Protein backbone atom coordinates (compact mmCIF):
# COMPACT_ATOMS: atom_id res chain seq x y z
CA UNK A 1 0.09 -0.10 -0.28
CA UNK A 2 2.70 2.40 0.98
CA UNK A 3 4.24 2.07 -2.84
CA UNK A 4 0.86 2.60 -4.58
CA UNK A 5 0.02 5.83 -2.79
CA UNK A 6 3.04 7.52 -4.89
CA UNK A 7 2.17 5.68 -8.08
CA UNK A 8 -1.39 6.77 -8.14
CA UNK A 9 -0.21 10.31 -7.21
CA UNK A 10 2.35 10.45 -9.84
CA UNK A 11 -0.61 9.46 -12.43
CA UNK A 12 -2.53 12.14 -11.62
CA UNK A 13 0.04 14.57 -11.96
CA UNK A 14 1.21 13.17 -15.41
CA UNK A 15 -2.42 12.26 -16.58
CA UNK A 16 -4.49 14.36 -14.80
CA UNK A 17 -4.14 17.57 -16.87
CA UNK A 18 -5.88 16.10 -19.63
CA UNK A 19 -8.92 15.15 -17.65
CA UNK A 20 -12.04 17.80 -18.24
CA UNK A 21 -15.21 18.08 -16.14
CA UNK A 22 -17.48 15.55 -17.71
CA UNK A 23 -15.12 13.23 -19.36
CA UNK A 24 -14.93 9.70 -18.38
CA UNK A 25 -12.63 8.75 -15.92
CA UNK A 26 -10.08 6.37 -17.30
CA UNK A 27 -9.65 2.61 -16.40
CA UNK A 28 -8.32 1.91 -13.17
CA UNK A 29 -8.44 -0.71 -10.58
CA UNK A 30 -7.59 -0.23 -6.57
CA UNK A 31 -7.47 -2.90 -3.92
CA UNK A 32 -9.53 -2.05 -0.45
CA UNK A 33 -8.68 -2.35 2.95
CA UNK A 34 -9.44 -6.00 2.53
CA UNK A 35 -7.13 -6.62 -0.31
CA UNK A 36 -10.26 -6.96 -2.85
CA UNK A 37 -9.58 -5.58 -5.91
CA UNK A 38 -11.95 -3.01 -7.28
CA UNK A 39 -12.12 -1.77 -10.82
CA UNK A 40 -13.82 1.23 -12.18
CA UNK A 41 -15.65 -0.97 -15.04
CA UNK A 42 -17.31 -2.75 -12.19
CA UNK A 43 -19.32 0.84 -11.04
CA UNK A 44 -20.06 1.77 -14.63
CA UNK A 45 -23.47 4.00 -14.34
CA UNK A 46 -23.06 4.18 -10.87
CA UNK A 47 -22.08 7.17 -8.85
CA UNK A 48 -18.85 6.60 -7.26
CA UNK A 49 -16.59 8.33 -4.45
CA UNK A 50 -13.15 6.90 -4.02
CA UNK A 51 -11.64 8.15 -0.35
CA UNK A 52 -8.27 8.15 0.46
CA UNK A 53 -7.43 7.61 3.99
CA UNK A 54 -4.04 7.71 6.18
CA UNK A 55 -3.07 4.31 7.63
CA UNK A 56 -3.97 4.18 11.38
CA UNK A 57 -1.13 5.38 13.78
CA UNK A 58 0.57 7.68 10.61
CA UNK A 59 0.88 11.56 10.49
CA UNK A 60 -1.84 12.88 7.22
């Protein structure tokens, strides 16, 4: 998980500038706190909120 956060932030920086309001989000997948893989395509035509939170006992 520690290695995933910098990668996600780097991708947002590199590719985030090409997205505009109303454009579809690019395909991605993330693991939840239980290790289950979730793909954006699994939530097609549904509203989705992704919340990133710091690991317990860490600053931030």
